[in-house]
Amino acid sequence: MLITSMLPLLSRYSLTLDLSAGPDAVTVTIVPRKAAGSKHDLDGGETRPISFTGTAAEIDAELEKGADGALGQLIAARKSLADQIAEQRDTAEKAKTLSAAKTKPAAKTAAKPTEQPKAAEKPTVPADSYTPPPGPLSAPGEPASLW
């Protein structure tokens, strides 16, 4: 039953099992690794060990539940998360490619030489049209103070 319940994991990962028995309980630790020849890049969350502790009867009963048991639900959740991560990476890569494609034509047009505008005369401002802003402490002939 142990191997049957791990088949969904084995389709995506290579697994290392560690079984240890204490006076009252058994601990099963499963460590997922990248399967040989797998094109799937593992995320850090996918390679975290899965550990169960209980009596031998409790662990057997949980593993007999298959996909409805704790291990099956954890496998399904990790697979779902891994698929979501892969989908987000693909979406980000497509967005990056699309963004790069949109900026290339703009860069090409910016590189073309443009005509220089003819030198325009500076606008003239009549000398009497400028009045300095009133300063609360400035006296005539002194610059306005900011303090």
C-alpha atoms as a PDB file:
ATOM      1  CA  MET A   1       0.000   0.000   0.000  1.00  0.00           C
ATOM      2  CA  LEU A   2       2.905   2.364   0.637  1.00  0.00           C
ATOM      3  CA  ILE A   3       4.193   2.199  -2.940  1.00  0.00           C
ATOM      4  CA  THR A   4       0.696   2.451  -4.427  1.00  0.00           C
ATOM      5  CA  SER A   5       0.003   5.603  -2.438  1.00  0.00           C
ATOM      6  CA  MET A   6       3.299   7.092  -3.654  1.00  0.00           C
ATOM      7  CA  LEU A   7       2.760   6.489  -7.372  1.00  0.00           C
ATOM      8  CA  PRO A   8       1.545  10.070  -7.990  1.00  0.00           C
ATOM      9  CA  LEU A   9       4.764  11.362  -6.433  1.00  0.00           C
ATOM     10  CA  LEU A  10       6.919   8.875  -8.322  1.00  0.00           C
ATOM     11  CA  SER A  11       5.591  10.180 -11.631  1.00  0.00           C
ATOM     12  CA  ARG A  12       7.213  13.528 -10.906  1.00  0.00           C
ATOM     13  CA  TYR A  13       9.946  12.913  -8.333  1.00  0.00           C
ATOM     14  CA  SER A  14      12.535  10.446  -7.202  1.00  0.00           C
ATOM     15  CA  LEU A  15      11.911   9.677  -3.525  1.00  0.00           C
ATOM     16  CA  THR A  16      14.088   8.808  -0.591  1.00  0.00           C
ATOM     17  CA  LEU A  17      12.350   7.104   2.345  1.00  0.00           C
ATOM     18  CA  ASP A  18      13.527   7.083   5.913  1.00  0.00           C
ATOM     19  CA  LEU A  19      11.770   4.904   8.466  1.00  0.00           C
ATOM     20  CA  SER A  20      12.605   5.152  12.113  1.00  0.00           C
ATOM     21  CA  ALA A  21      10.936   3.531  15.071  1.00  0.00           C
ATOM     22  CA  GLY A  22      10.806   4.871  18.582  1.00  0.00           C
ATOM     23  CA  PRO A  23       9.394   3.201  21.680  1.00  0.00           C
ATOM     24  CA  ASP A  24       5.809   4.309  20.954  1.00  0.00           C
ATOM     25  CA  ALA A  25       5.767   5.544  17.349  1.00  0.00           C
ATOM     26  CA  VAL A  26       7.099   5.163  13.851  1.00  0.00           C
ATOM     27  CA  THR A  27       8.258   8.119  11.765  1.00  0.00           C
ATOM     28  CA  VAL A  28       8.158   7.956   7.976  1.00  0.00           C
ATOM     29  CA  THR A  29      10.078  10.707   6.198  1.00  0.00           C
ATOM     30  CA  ILE A  30       9.799  11.103   2.430  1.00  0.00           C
ATOM     31  CA  VAL A  31      12.306  13.360   0.663  1.00  0.00           C
ATOM     32  CA  PRO A  32      11.373  14.291  -2.932  1.00  0.00           C
ATOM     33  CA  ARG A  33      14.194  14.883  -5.427  1.00  0.00           C
ATOM     34  CA  LYS A  34      14.231  15.645  -9.117  1.00  0.00           C
ATOM     35  CA  ALA A  35      13.636  12.487 -11.102  1.00  0.00           C
ATOM     36  CA  ALA A  36      16.378  11.457 -13.509  1.00  0.00           C
ATOM     37  CA  GLY A  37      15.661  12.880 -16.947  1.00  0.00           C
ATOM     38  CA  SER A  38      12.882  15.142 -15.672  1.00  0.00           C
ATOM     39  CA  LYS A  39      12.500  18.434 -17.482  1.00  0.00           C
ATOM     40  CA  HIS A  40      10.624  19.900 -14.523  1.00  0.00           C
ATOM     41  CA  ASP A  41      12.701  22.287 -12.378  1.00  0.00           C
ATOM     42  CA  LEU A  42      11.897  21.789  -8.726  1.00  0.00           C
ATOM     43  CA  ASP A  43      10.949  24.683  -6.515  1.00  0.00           C
ATOM     44  CA  GLY A  44      12.263  24.831  -2.946  1.00  0.00           C
ATOM     45  CA  GLY A  45       8.825  24.036  -1.551  1.00  0.00           C
ATOM     46  CA  GLU A  46       8.594  20.887  -3.622  1.00  0.00           C
ATOM     47  CA  THR A  47      11.760  19.397  -2.180  1.00  0.00           C
ATOM     48  CA  ARG A  48      10.819  19.818   1.461  1.00  0.00           C
ATOM     49  CA  PRO A  49      10.628  16.498   3.302  1.00  0.00           C
ATOM     50  CA  ILE A  50       7.243  15.040   4.199  1.00  0.00           C
ATOM     51  CA  SER A  51       7.165  13.428   7.622  1.00  0.00           C
ATOM     52  CA  PHE A  52       4.506  11.327   9.370  1.00  0.00           C
ATOM     53  CA  THR A  53       4.704  10.127  12.940  1.00  0.00           C
ATOM     54  CA  GLY A  54       2.288   7.696  14.548  1.00  0.00           C
ATOM     55  CA  THR A  55       1.843   4.100  15.449  1.00  0.00           C
ATOM     56  CA  ALA A  56       2.414   1.581  12.700  1.00  0.00           C
ATOM     57  CA  ALA A  57      -1.353   0.908  12.595  1.00  0.00           C
ATOM     58  CA  GLU A  58      -2.163   4.644  12.271  1.00  0.00           C
ATOM     59  CA  ILE A  59       0.306   5.140   9.448  1.00  0.00           C
ATOM     60  CA  ASP A  60      -0.950   2.022   7.635  1.00  0.00           C
ATOM     61  CA  ALA A  61      -4.558   3.200   8.025  1.00  0.00           C
ATOM     62  CA  GLU A  62      -3.695   6.644   6.682  1.00  0.00           C
ATOM     63  CA  LEU A  63      -1.785   5.215   3.709  1.00  0.00           C
ATOM     64  CA  GLU A  64      -4.677   2.830   2.914  1.00  0.00           C
ATOM     65  CA  LYS A  65      -6.883   5.871   2.301  1.00  0.00           C
ATOM     66  CA  GLY A  66      -4.794   6.587  -0.793  1.00  0.00           C
ATOM     67  CA  ALA A  67      -5.689   9.934  -2.395  1.00  0.00           C
ATOM     68  CA  ASP A  68      -8.124  10.722   0.432  1.00  0.00           C
ATOM     69  CA  GLY A  69      -5.488  10.260   3.149  1.00  0.00           C
ATOM     70  CA  ALA A  70      -3.021  12.795   4.465  1.00  0.00           C
ATOM     71  CA  LEU A  71      -0.240  11.743   2.084  1.00  0.00           C
ATOM     72  CA  GLY A  72      -2.562  11.773  -0.926  1.00  0.00           C
ATOM     73  CA  GLN A  73      -3.902  15.210  -0.055  1.00  0.00           C
ATOM     74  CA  LEU A  74      -0.400  16.544   0.523  1.00  0.00           C
ATOM     75  CA  ILE A  75       0.753  15.120  -2.806  1.00  0.00           C
ATOM     76  CA  ALA A  76      -2.218  16.727  -4.569  1.00  0.00           C
ATOM     77  CA  ALA A  77      -1.575  20.078  -2.878  1.00  0.00           C
ATOM     78  CA  ARG A  78       2.130  20.037  -3.778  1.00  0.00           C
ATOM     79  CA  LYS A  79       1.372  19.056  -7.367  1.00  0.00           C
ATOM     80  CA  SER A  80      -1.182  21.850  -7.613  1.00  0.00           C
ATOM     81  CA  LEU A  81       1.273  24.367  -6.174  1.00  0.00           C
ATOM     82  CA  ALA A  82       4.062  23.157  -8.455  1.00  0.00           C
ATOM     83  CA  ASP A  83       1.751  23.486 -11.459  1.00  0.00           C
ATOM     84  CA  GLN A  84       0.750  26.989 -10.363  1.00  0.00           C
ATOM     85  CA  ILE A  85       4.390  27.989  -9.975  1.00  0.00           C
ATOM     86  CA  ALA A  86       5.206  26.618 -13.435  1.00  0.00           C
ATOM     87  CA  GLU A  87       2.231  28.475 -14.907  1.00  0.00           C
ATOM     88  CA  GLN A  88       3.304  31.723 -13.234  1.00  0.00           C
ATOM     89  CA  ARG A  89       6.857  31.306 -14.539  1.00  0.00           C
ATOM     90  CA  ASP A  90       5.512  30.757 -18.067  1.00  0.00           C
ATOM     91  CA  THR A  91       3.242  33.785 -17.787  1.00  0.00           C
ATOM     92  CA  ALA A  92       6.081  35.945 -16.486  1.00  0.00           C
ATOM     93  CA  GLU A  93       8.363  34.778 -19.301  1.00  0.00           C
ATOM     94  CA  LYS A  94       5.691  35.528 -21.917  1.00  0.00           C
ATOM     95  CA  ALA A  95       5.092  38.970 -20.403  1.00  0.00           C
ATOM     96  CA  LYS A  96       8.837  39.653 -20.406  1.00  0.00           C
ATOM     97  CA  THR A  97       9.093  38.602 -24.056  1.00  0.00           C
ATOM     98  CA  LEU A  98       6.063  40.700 -24.990  1.00  0.00           C
ATOM     99  CA  SER A  99       7.449  43.697 -23.126  1.00  0.00           C
ATOM    100  CA  ALA A 100      10.804  43.334 -24.870  1.00  0.00           C
ATOM    101  CA  ALA A 101       9.038  43.091 -28.228  1.00  0.00           C
ATOM    102  CA  LYS A 102       7.084  46.276 -27.525  1.00  0.00           C
ATOM    103  CA  THR A 103      10.183  48.241 -26.544  1.00  0.00           C
ATOM    104  CA  LYS A 104      12.256  47.209 -29.571  1.00  0.00           C
ATOM    105  CA  PRO A 105      10.335  49.309 -32.138  1.00  0.00           C
ATOM    106  CA  ALA A 106      10.443  52.305 -29.809  1.00  0.00           C
ATOM    107  CA  ALA A 107      14.195  51.923 -29.454  1.00  0.00           C
ATOM    108  CA  LYS A 108      14.599  51.762 -33.236  1.00  0.00           C
ATOM    109  CA  THR A 109      12.604  54.916 -33.813  1.00  0.00           C
ATOM    110  CA  ALA A 110      14.498  56.704 -31.076  1.00  0.00           C
ATOM    111  CA  ALA A 111      17.781  55.785 -32.753  1.00  0.00           C
ATOM    112  CA  LYS A 112      16.792  57.468 -36.043  1.00  0.00           C
ATOM    113  CA  PRO A 113      18.266  60.921 -36.474  1.00  0.00           C
ATOM    114  CA  THR A 114      15.656  63.592 -36.130  1.00  0.00           C
ATOM    115  CA  GLU A 115      15.700  67.065 -37.538  1.00  0.00           C
ATOM    116  CA  GLN A 116      16.970  69.621 -35.139  1.00  0.00           C
ATOM    117  CA  PRO A 117      14.468  72.386 -34.539  1.00  0.00           C
ATOM    118  CA  LYS A 118      15.541  75.725 -35.809  1.00  0.00           C
ATOM    119  CA  ALA A 119      16.933  78.000 -33.178  1.00  0.00           C
ATOM    120  CA  ALA A 120      14.043  80.010 -31.935  1.00  0.00           C
ATOM    121  CA  GLU A 121      14.391  83.391 -30.439  1.00  0.00           C
ATOM    122  CA  LYS A 122      13.986  83.532 -26.721  1.00  0.00           C
ATOM    123  CA  PRO A 123      10.648  84.915 -25.722  1.00  0.00           C
ATOM    124  CA  THR A 124      11.036  88.379 -24.450  1.00  0.00           C
ATOM    125  CA  VAL A 125       9.389  89.340 -21.216  1.00  0.00           C
ATOM    126  CA  PRO A 126       8.808  92.985 -20.630  1.00  0.00           C
ATOM    127  CA  ALA A 127      10.909  94.187 -17.696  1.00  0.00           C
ATOM    128  CA  ASP A 128       7.938  95.656 -15.905  1.00  0.00           C
ATOM    129  CA  SER A 129       5.802  92.446 -16.112  1.00  0.00           C
ATOM    130  CA  TYR A 130       7.765  90.560 -13.425  1.00  0.00           C
ATOM    131  CA  THR A 131       6.962  91.238  -9.822  1.00  0.00           C
ATOM    132  CA  PRO A 132       8.718  89.260  -7.118  1.00  0.00           C
ATOM    133  CA  PRO A 133       6.522  87.315  -4.743  1.00  0.00           C
ATOM    134  CA  PRO A 134       5.784  89.145  -1.537  1.00  0.00           C
ATOM    135  CA  GLY A 135       7.963  88.011   1.301  1.00  0.00           C
ATOM    136  CA  PRO A 136       6.718  88.284   4.839  1.00  0.00           C
ATOM    137  CA  LEU A 137      10.023  89.608   6.192  1.00  0.00           C
ATOM    138  CA  SER A 138      11.712  90.885   3.070  1.00  0.00           C
ATOM    139  CA  ALA A 139      12.458  94.533   2.764  1.00  0.00           C
ATOM    140  CA  PRO A 140      12.591  96.310  -0.556  1.00  0.00           C
ATOM    141  CA  GLY A 141      15.772  95.402  -2.375  1.00  0.00           C
ATOM    142  CA  GLU A 142      16.351  92.199  -0.312  1.00  0.00           C
ATOM    143  CA  PRO A 143      15.637  88.660  -1.524  1.00  0.00           C
ATOM    144  CA  ALA A 144      12.596  86.909  -0.114  1.00  0.00           C
ATOM    145  CA  SER A 145      13.368  84.735   2.898  1.00  0.00           C
ATOM    146  CA  LEU A 146      12.191  81.188   3.351  1.00  0.00           C
ATOM    147  CA  TRP A 147      12.396  81.470   7.138  1.00  0.00           C
END
